[in-house]
Amino acid sequence: MARYWPDIARGQATATLAVLEHAAAWTPAAVQLHAERRGNELVLSGTKRFVPFAHTAKLLLVAARTGDGEDGTSVFAVDSQAD
């Protein structure tokens, strides 16, 4: 995902945070979207309620559950065109 940072720094591309879920309040322990390793890939399963600028962002920074409690939340850089 490092290929996006120069364009973002020049203002030619945008990135956005995808953290808000159905509960409406965001805390790391409340994240329900789940990240699972399948072979050489990580698969994110779940939904986010609101992602600002999602329609124009090239890069999404997505909070996902990778373990238990607050320490079990990770943020993944995801290409907005990913499946």
PDB file of N, CA and C in Angstrom:
ATOM      1  N   MET A   1       0.797  -1.198   0.000  1.00  0.00           N
ATOM      2  CA  MET A   1       0.000   0.000   0.000  1.00  0.00           C
ATOM      3  C   MET A   1       0.846   1.272   0.000  1.00  0.00           C
ATOM      4  N   ALA A   2       2.132   1.113   0.159  1.00  0.00           N
ATOM      5  CA  ALA A   2       3.015   2.284   0.176  1.00  0.00           C
ATOM      6  C   ALA A   2       2.937   3.071  -1.120  1.00  0.00           C
ATOM      7  N   ARG A   3       2.513   2.431  -2.176  1.00  0.00           N
ATOM      8  CA  ARG A   3       2.440   3.139  -3.464  1.00  0.00           C
ATOM      9  C   ARG A   3       1.435   4.291  -3.434  1.00  0.00           C
ATOM     10  N   TYR A   4       0.490   4.285  -2.500  1.00  0.00           N
ATOM     11  CA  TYR A   4      -0.519   5.343  -2.417  1.00  0.00           C
ATOM     12  C   TYR A   4      -0.026   6.580  -1.683  1.00  0.00           C
ATOM     13  N   TRP A   5       0.928   6.427  -0.770  1.00  0.00           N
ATOM     14  CA  TRP A   5       1.322   7.550   0.087  1.00  0.00           C
ATOM     15  C   TRP A   5       1.820   8.765  -0.681  1.00  0.00           C
ATOM     16  N   PRO A   6       2.641   8.629  -1.743  1.00  0.00           N
ATOM     17  CA  PRO A   6       3.058   9.845  -2.462  1.00  0.00           C
ATOM     18  C   PRO A   6       1.874  10.622  -3.033  1.00  0.00           C
ATOM     19  N   ASP A   7       0.900   9.936  -3.635  1.00  0.00           N
ATOM     20  CA  ASP A   7      -0.282  10.625  -4.182  1.00  0.00           C
ATOM     21  C   ASP A   7      -1.118  11.251  -3.074  1.00  0.00           C
ATOM     22  N   ILE A   8      -1.234  10.579  -1.951  1.00  0.00           N
ATOM     23  CA  ILE A   8      -1.978  11.133  -0.822  1.00  0.00           C
ATOM     24  C   ILE A   8      -1.274  12.375  -0.296  1.00  0.00           C
ATOM     25  N   ALA A   9       0.045  12.328  -0.168  1.00  0.00           N
ATOM     26  CA  ALA A   9       0.813  13.472   0.324  1.00  0.00           C
ATOM     27  C   ALA A   9       0.705  14.677  -0.601  1.00  0.00           C
ATOM     28  N   ARG A  10       0.584  14.427  -1.920  1.00  0.00           N
ATOM     29  CA  ARG A  10       0.440  15.518  -2.889  1.00  0.00           C
ATOM     30  C   ARG A  10      -0.998  15.991  -3.041  1.00  0.00           C
ATOM     31  N   GLY A  11      -1.933  15.340  -2.361  1.00  0.00           N
ATOM     32  CA  GLY A  11      -3.334  15.711  -2.470  1.00  0.00           C
ATOM     33  C   GLY A  11      -3.992  15.186  -3.731  1.00  0.00           C
ATOM     34  N   GLN A  12      -3.369  14.212  -4.386  1.00  0.00           N
ATOM     35  CA  GLN A  12      -3.911  13.649  -5.621  1.00  0.00           C
ATOM     36  C   GLN A  12      -4.734  12.389  -5.377  1.00  0.00           C
ATOM     37  N   ALA A  13      -4.748  11.917  -4.142  1.00  0.00           N
ATOM     38  CA  ALA A  13      -5.545  10.749  -3.762  1.00  0.00           C
ATOM     39  C   ALA A  13      -5.939  10.924  -2.299  1.00  0.00           C
ATOM     40  N   THR A  14      -6.980  10.222  -1.887  1.00  0.00           N
ATOM     41  CA  THR A  14      -7.415  10.304  -0.502  1.00  0.00           C
ATOM     42  C   THR A  14      -7.423   8.928   0.147  1.00  0.00           C
ATOM     43  N   ALA A  15      -7.287   8.954   1.454  1.00  0.00           N
ATOM     44  CA  ALA A  15      -7.434   7.754   2.276  1.00  0.00           C
ATOM     45  C   ALA A  15      -8.513   8.076   3.303  1.00  0.00           C
ATOM     46  N   THR A  16      -9.171   7.058   3.813  1.00  0.00           N
ATOM     47  CA  THR A  16     -10.204   7.282   4.813  1.00  0.00           C
ATOM     48  C   THR A  16     -10.194   6.165   5.839  1.00  0.00           C
ATOM     49  N   LEU A  17     -10.789   6.438   6.986  1.00  0.00           N
ATOM     50  CA  LEU A  17     -10.888   5.461   8.057  1.00  0.00           C
ATOM     51  C   LEU A  17     -12.229   4.745   7.995  1.00  0.00           C
ATOM     52  N   ALA A  18     -12.189   3.429   8.108  1.00  0.00           N
ATOM     53  CA  ALA A  18     -13.402   2.620   8.167  1.00  0.00           C
ATOM     54  C   ALA A  18     -13.434   1.956   9.544  1.00  0.00           C
ATOM     55  N   VAL A  19     -14.003   2.670  10.516  1.00  0.00           N
ATOM     56  CA  VAL A  19     -14.019   2.155  11.880  1.00  0.00           C
ATOM     57  C   VAL A  19     -15.426   2.033  12.456  1.00  0.00           C
ATOM     58  N   LEU A  20     -16.356   2.873  12.035  1.00  0.00           N
ATOM     59  CA  LEU A  20     -17.681   2.933  12.645  1.00  0.00           C
ATOM     60  C   LEU A  20     -18.543   1.754  12.223  1.00  0.00           C
ATOM     61  N   GLU A  21     -19.080   1.047  13.213  1.00  0.00           N
ATOM     62  CA  GLU A  21     -19.935  -0.111  12.957  1.00  0.00           C
ATOM     63  C   GLU A  21     -21.345   0.159  13.460  1.00  0.00           C
ATOM     64  N   HIS A  22     -22.179  -0.840  13.419  1.00  0.00           N
ATOM     65  CA  HIS A  22     -23.598  -0.698  13.733  1.00  0.00           C
ATOM     66  C   HIS A  22     -23.868  -0.110  15.115  1.00  0.00           C
ATOM     67  N   ALA A  23     -23.030  -0.383  16.078  1.00  0.00           N
ATOM     68  CA  ALA A  23     -23.251   0.119  17.438  1.00  0.00           C
ATOM     69  C   ALA A  23     -23.125   1.639  17.532  1.00  0.00           C
ATOM     70  N   ALA A  24     -22.574   2.277  16.504  1.00  0.00           N
ATOM     71  CA  ALA A  24     -22.445   3.733  16.377  1.00  0.00           C
ATOM     72  C   ALA A  24     -21.322   4.335  17.218  1.00  0.00           C
ATOM     73  N   ALA A  25     -20.994   3.767  18.346  1.00  0.00           N
ATOM     74  CA  ALA A  25     -19.869   4.267  19.134  1.00  0.00           C
ATOM     75  C   ALA A  25     -18.657   3.406  18.813  1.00  0.00           C
ATOM     76  N   TRP A  26     -17.513   4.064  18.608  1.00  0.00           N
ATOM     77  CA  TRP A  26     -16.327   3.291  18.251  1.00  0.00           C
ATOM     78  C   TRP A  26     -15.378   3.177  19.416  1.00  0.00           C
ATOM     79  N   THR A  27     -15.117   1.948  19.800  1.00  0.00           N
ATOM     80  CA  THR A  27     -14.049   1.627  20.734  1.00  0.00           C
ATOM     81  C   THR A  27     -13.382   0.377  20.181  1.00  0.00           C
ATOM     82  N   PRO A  28     -12.089   0.217  20.387  1.00  0.00           N
ATOM     83  CA  PRO A  28     -11.404  -0.954  19.837  1.00  0.00           C
ATOM     84  C   PRO A  28     -12.032  -2.283  20.258  1.00  0.00           C
ATOM     85  N   ALA A  29     -12.494  -2.386  21.491  1.00  0.00           N
ATOM     86  CA  ALA A  29     -13.065  -3.652  21.968  1.00  0.00           C
ATOM     87  C   ALA A  29     -14.409  -3.976  21.321  1.00  0.00           C
ATOM     88  N   ALA A  30     -15.078  -2.979  20.745  1.00  0.00           N
ATOM     89  CA  ALA A  30     -16.404  -3.191  20.160  1.00  0.00           C
ATOM     90  C   ALA A  30     -16.364  -3.588  18.679  1.00  0.00           C
ATOM     91  N   VAL A  31     -15.201  -3.577  18.059  1.00  0.00           N
ATOM     92  CA  VAL A  31     -15.101  -3.902  16.632  1.00  0.00           C
ATOM     93  C   VAL A  31     -15.547  -5.346  16.399  1.00  0.00           C
ATOM     94  N   GLN A  32     -16.443  -5.526  15.422  1.00  0.00           N
ATOM     95  CA  GLN A  32     -16.954  -6.854  15.106  1.00  0.00           C
ATOM     96  C   GLN A  32     -16.494  -7.366  13.747  1.00  0.00           C
ATOM     97  N   LEU A  33     -16.166  -6.475  12.810  1.00  0.00           N
ATOM     98  CA  LEU A  33     -15.640  -6.917  11.520  1.00  0.00           C
ATOM     99  C   LEU A  33     -14.421  -7.777  11.804  1.00  0.00           C
ATOM    100  N   HIS A  34     -14.336  -8.930  11.176  1.00  0.00           N
ATOM    101  CA  HIS A  34     -13.343  -9.942  11.522  1.00  0.00           C
ATOM    102  C   HIS A  34     -12.313 -10.119  10.403  1.00  0.00           C
ATOM    103  N   ALA A  35     -11.052 -10.251  10.765  1.00  0.00           N
ATOM    104  CA  ALA A  35      -9.977 -10.554   9.809  1.00  0.00           C
ATOM    105  C   ALA A  35      -9.549 -11.993  10.007  1.00  0.00           C
ATOM    106  N   GLU A  36      -9.473 -12.731   8.907  1.00  0.00           N
ATOM    107  CA  GLU A  36      -9.093 -14.144   8.972  1.00  0.00           C
ATOM    108  C   GLU A  36      -8.077 -14.460   7.886  1.00  0.00           C
ATOM    109  N   ARG A  37      -7.020 -15.158   8.266  1.00  0.00           N
ATOM    110  CA  ARG A  37      -6.011 -15.568   7.287  1.00  0.00           C
ATOM    111  C   ARG A  37      -6.505 -16.810   6.563  1.00  0.00           C
ATOM    112  N   ARG A  38      -6.465 -16.737   5.219  1.00  0.00           N
ATOM    113  CA  ARG A  38      -6.803 -17.883   4.371  1.00  0.00           C
ATOM    114  C   ARG A  38      -5.667 -18.050   3.371  1.00  0.00           C
ATOM    115  N   GLY A  39      -4.791 -18.990   3.670  1.00  0.00           N
ATOM    116  CA  GLY A  39      -3.609 -19.166   2.832  1.00  0.00           C
ATOM    117  C   GLY A  39      -2.714 -17.959   2.951  1.00  0.00           C
ATOM    118  N   ASN A  40      -2.388 -17.330   1.819  1.00  0.00           N
ATOM    119  CA  ASN A  40      -1.523 -16.151   1.795  1.00  0.00           C
ATOM    120  C   ASN A  40      -2.305 -14.845   1.864  1.00  0.00           C
ATOM    121  N   GLU A  41      -3.623 -14.919   2.058  1.00  0.00           N
ATOM    122  CA  GLU A  41      -4.457 -13.719   2.062  1.00  0.00           C
ATOM    123  C   GLU A  41      -5.112 -13.502   3.416  1.00  0.00           C
ATOM    124  N   LEU A  42      -5.460 -12.257   3.683  1.00  0.00           N
ATOM    125  CA  LEU A  42      -6.296 -11.923   4.820  1.00  0.00           C
ATOM    126  C   LEU A  42      -7.669 -11.569   4.264  1.00  0.00           C
ATOM    127  N   VAL A  43      -8.697 -12.155   4.832  1.00  0.00           N
ATOM    128  CA  VAL A  43     -10.058 -11.903   4.382  1.00  0.00           C
ATOM    129  C   VAL A  43     -10.782 -11.153   5.490  1.00  0.00           C
ATOM    130  N   LEU A  44     -11.346  -9.988   5.137  1.00  0.00           N
ATOM    131  CA  LEU A  44     -12.124  -9.197   6.087  1.00  0.00           C
ATOM    132  C   LEU A  44     -13.591  -9.533   5.895  1.00  0.00           C
ATOM    133  N   SER A  45     -14.280  -9.880   6.986  1.00  0.00           N
ATOM    134  CA  SER A  45     -15.687 -10.272   6.928  1.00  0.00           C
ATOM    135  C   SER A  45     -16.494  -9.405   7.890  1.00  0.00           C
ATOM    136  N   GLY A  46     -17.505  -8.732   7.360  1.00  0.00           N
ATOM    137  CA  GLY A  46     -18.362  -7.891   8.175  1.00  0.00           C
ATOM    138  C   GLY A  46     -18.674  -6.608   7.437  1.00  0.00           C
ATOM    139  N   THR A  47     -19.266  -5.677   8.147  1.00  0.00           N
ATOM    140  CA  THR A  47     -19.656  -4.409   7.525  1.00  0.00           C
ATOM    141  C   THR A  47     -19.280  -3.240   8.420  1.00  0.00           C
ATOM    142  N   LYS A  48     -19.149  -2.103   7.803  1.00  0.00           N
ATOM    143  CA  LYS A  48     -18.982  -0.841   8.508  1.00  0.00           C
ATOM    144  C   LYS A  48     -20.227  -0.008   8.216  1.00  0.00           C
ATOM    145  N   ARG A  49     -20.637   0.783   9.172  1.00  0.00           N
ATOM    146  CA  ARG A  49     -21.858   1.576   9.032  1.00  0.00           C
ATOM    147  C   ARG A  49     -21.630   2.846   8.221  1.00  0.00           C
ATOM    148  N   PHE A  50     -20.509   3.498   8.423  1.00  0.00           N
ATOM    149  CA  PHE A  50     -20.249   4.773   7.753  1.00  0.00           C
ATOM    150  C   PHE A  50     -18.756   4.879   7.482  1.00  0.00           C
ATOM    151  N   VAL A  51     -18.401   5.157   6.238  1.00  0.00           N
ATOM    152  CA  VAL A  51     -17.008   5.347   5.850  1.00  0.00           C
ATOM    153  C   VAL A  51     -16.948   6.671   5.087  1.00  0.00           C
ATOM    154  N   PRO A  52     -16.479   7.742   5.725  1.00  0.00           N
ATOM    155  CA  PRO A  52     -16.455   9.044   5.053  1.00  0.00           C
ATOM    156  C   PRO A  52     -15.552   9.023   3.824  1.00  0.00           C
ATOM    157  N   PHE A  53     -16.013   9.656   2.767  1.00  0.00           N
ATOM    158  CA  PHE A  53     -15.268   9.783   1.505  1.00  0.00           C
ATOM    159  C   PHE A  53     -14.973   8.442   0.838  1.00  0.00           C
ATOM    160  N   ALA A  54     -15.740   7.419   1.153  1.00  0.00           N
ATOM    161  CA  ALA A  54     -15.522   6.094   0.561  1.00  0.00           C
ATOM    162  C   ALA A  54     -15.639   6.126  -0.956  1.00  0.00           C
ATOM    163  N   HIS A  55     -16.483   6.995  -1.480  1.00  0.00           N
ATOM    164  CA  HIS A  55     -16.700   7.055  -2.923  1.00  0.00           C
ATOM    165  C   HIS A  55     -15.504   7.612  -3.689  1.00  0.00           C
ATOM    166  N   THR A  56     -14.601   8.310  -3.008  1.00  0.00           N
ATOM    167  CA  THR A  56     -13.440   8.880  -3.702  1.00  0.00           C
ATOM    168  C   THR A  56     -12.102   8.355  -3.195  1.00  0.00           C
ATOM    169  N   ALA A  57     -12.095   7.718  -2.052  1.00  0.00           N
ATOM    170  CA  ALA A  57     -10.839   7.262  -1.443  1.00  0.00           C
ATOM    171  C   ALA A  57     -10.194   6.154  -2.261  1.00  0.00           C
ATOM    172  N   LYS A  58      -8.890   6.212  -2.366  1.00  0.00           N
ATOM    173  CA  LYS A  58      -8.108   5.151  -3.007  1.00  0.00           C
ATOM    174  C   LYS A  58      -7.678   4.104  -1.984  1.00  0.00           C
ATOM    175  N   LEU A  59      -7.585   4.519  -0.727  1.00  0.00           N
ATOM    176  CA  LEU A  59      -7.087   3.652   0.326  1.00  0.00           C
ATOM    177  C   LEU A  59      -8.022   3.717   1.525  1.00  0.00           C
ATOM    178  N   LEU A  60      -8.411   2.548   2.036  1.00  0.00           N
ATOM    179  CA  LEU A  60      -9.262   2.456   3.219  1.00  0.00           C
ATOM    180  C   LEU A  60      -8.429   1.891   4.370  1.00  0.00           C
ATOM    181  N   LEU A  61      -8.469   2.543   5.501  1.00  0.00           N
ATOM    182  CA  LEU A  61      -7.827   2.043   6.705  1.00  0.00           C
ATOM    183  C   LEU A  61      -8.938   1.425   7.546  1.00  0.00           C
ATOM    184  N   VAL A  62      -8.973   0.095   7.581  1.00  0.00           N
ATOM    185  CA  VAL A  62     -10.104  -0.656   8.119  1.00  0.00           C
ATOM    186  C   VAL A  62      -9.747  -1.312   9.451  1.00  0.00           C
ATOM    187  N   ALA A  63     -10.526  -0.999  10.486  1.00  0.00           N
ATOM    188  CA  ALA A  63     -10.356  -1.639  11.786  1.00  0.00           C
ATOM    189  C   ALA A  63     -11.067  -2.984  11.752  1.00  0.00           C
ATOM    190  N   ALA A  64     -10.366  -4.033  12.214  1.00  0.00           N
ATOM    191  CA  ALA A  64     -10.935  -5.379  12.203  1.00  0.00           C
ATOM    192  C   ALA A  64     -10.506  -6.146  13.445  1.00  0.00           C
ATOM    193  N   ARG A  65     -11.329  -7.089  13.833  1.00  0.00           N
ATOM    194  CA  ARG A  65     -11.076  -7.950  14.983  1.00  0.00           C
ATOM    195  C   ARG A  65     -10.066  -9.020  14.588  1.00  0.00           C
ATOM    196  N   THR A  66      -8.970  -9.106  15.354  1.00  0.00           N
ATOM    197  CA  THR A  66      -7.949 -10.129  15.122  1.00  0.00           C
ATOM    198  C   THR A  66      -7.677 -10.947  16.377  1.00  0.00           C
ATOM    199  N   GLY A  67      -8.324 -10.588  17.468  1.00  0.00           N
ATOM    200  CA  GLY A  67      -8.142 -11.287  18.737  1.00  0.00           C
ATOM    201  C   GLY A  67      -9.178 -10.817  19.727  1.00  0.00           C
ATOM    202  N   ASP A  68      -8.899 -10.973  21.022  1.00  0.00           N
ATOM    203  CA  ASP A  68      -9.849 -10.613  22.064  1.00  0.00           C
ATOM    204  C   ASP A  68      -9.533  -9.254  22.679  1.00  0.00           C
ATOM    205  N   GLY A  69     -10.566  -8.543  23.121  1.00  0.00           N
ATOM    206  CA  GLY A  69     -10.405  -7.280  23.838  1.00  0.00           C
ATOM    207  C   GLY A  69      -9.843  -6.167  22.983  1.00  0.00           C
ATOM    208  N   GLU A  70      -9.414  -5.097  23.649  1.00  0.00           N
ATOM    209  CA  GLU A  70      -8.886  -3.932  22.931  1.00  0.00           C
ATOM    210  C   GLU A  70      -7.609  -4.254  22.181  1.00  0.00           C
ATOM    211  N   ASP A  71      -6.806  -5.160  22.697  1.00  0.00           N
ATOM    212  CA  ASP A  71      -5.563  -5.536  22.024  1.00  0.00           C
ATOM    213  C   ASP A  71      -5.819  -6.407  20.799  1.00  0.00           C
ATOM    214  N   GLY A  72      -7.042  -6.868  20.630  1.00  0.00           N
ATOM    215  CA  GLY A  72      -7.384  -7.740  19.516  1.00  0.00           C
ATOM    216  C   GLY A  72      -7.948  -7.006  18.321  1.00  0.00           C
ATOM    217  N   THR A  73      -7.673  -5.724  18.209  1.00  0.00           N
ATOM    218  CA  THR A  73      -8.126  -4.930  17.066  1.00  0.00           C
ATOM    219  C   THR A  73      -6.911  -4.465  16.275  1.00  0.00           C
ATOM    220  N   SER A  74      -6.962  -4.660  14.966  1.00  0.00           N
ATOM    221  CA  SER A  74      -5.879  -4.230  14.080  1.00  0.00           C
ATOM    222  C   SER A  74      -6.464  -3.338  12.994  1.00  0.00           C
ATOM    223  N   VAL A  75      -5.608  -2.550  12.379  1.00  0.00           N
ATOM    224  CA  VAL A  75      -6.028  -1.697  11.268  1.00  0.00           C
ATOM    225  C   VAL A  75      -5.292  -2.166  10.023  1.00  0.00           C
ATOM    226  N   PHE A  76      -6.051  -2.374   8.952  1.00  0.00           N
ATOM    227  CA  PHE A  76      -5.513  -2.863   7.684  1.00  0.00           C
ATOM    228  C   PHE A  76      -5.660  -1.796   6.608  1.00  0.00           C
ATOM    229  N   ALA A  77      -4.622  -1.633   5.801  1.00  0.00           N
ATOM    230  CA  ALA A  77      -4.682  -0.739   4.632  1.00  0.00           C
ATOM    231  C   ALA A  77      -5.221  -1.561   3.476  1.00  0.00           C
ATOM    232  N   VAL A  78      -6.364  -1.129   2.928  1.00  0.00           N
ATOM    233  CA  VAL A  78      -7.051  -1.888   1.888  1.00  0.00           C
ATOM    234  C   VAL A  78      -7.259  -1.011   0.661  1.00  0.00           C
ATOM    235  N   ASP A  79      -6.858  -1.494  -0.493  1.00  0.00           N
ATOM    236  CA  ASP A  79      -7.123  -0.797  -1.757  1.00  0.00           C
ATOM    237  C   ASP A  79      -8.634  -0.697  -1.941  1.00  0.00           C
ATOM    238  N   SER A  80      -9.130   0.470  -2.277  1.00  0.00           N
ATOM    239  CA  SER A  80     -10.583   0.661  -2.408  1.00  0.00           C
ATOM    240  C   SER A  80     -11.192  -0.172  -3.537  1.00  0.00           C
ATOM    241  N   GLN A  81     -10.373  -0.664  -4.446  1.00  0.00           N
ATOM    242  CA  GLN A  81     -10.864  -1.499  -5.538  1.00  0.00           C
ATOM    243  C   GLN A  81     -10.760  -2.989  -5.256  1.00  0.00           C
ATOM    244  N   ALA A  82     -10.324  -3.349  -4.038  1.00  0.00           N
ATOM    245  CA  ALA A  82     -10.164  -4.774  -3.681  1.00  0.00           C
ATOM    246  C   ALA A  82     -11.520  -5.464  -3.627  1.00  0.00           C
ATOM    247  N   ASP A  83     -11.499  -6.760  -3.890  1.00  0.00           N
ATOM    248  CA  ASP A  83     -12.741  -7.542  -3.804  1.00  0.00           C
ATOM    249  C   ASP A  83     -13.114  -7.810  -2.383  1.00  0.00           C
TER     250      ASP A  83
END
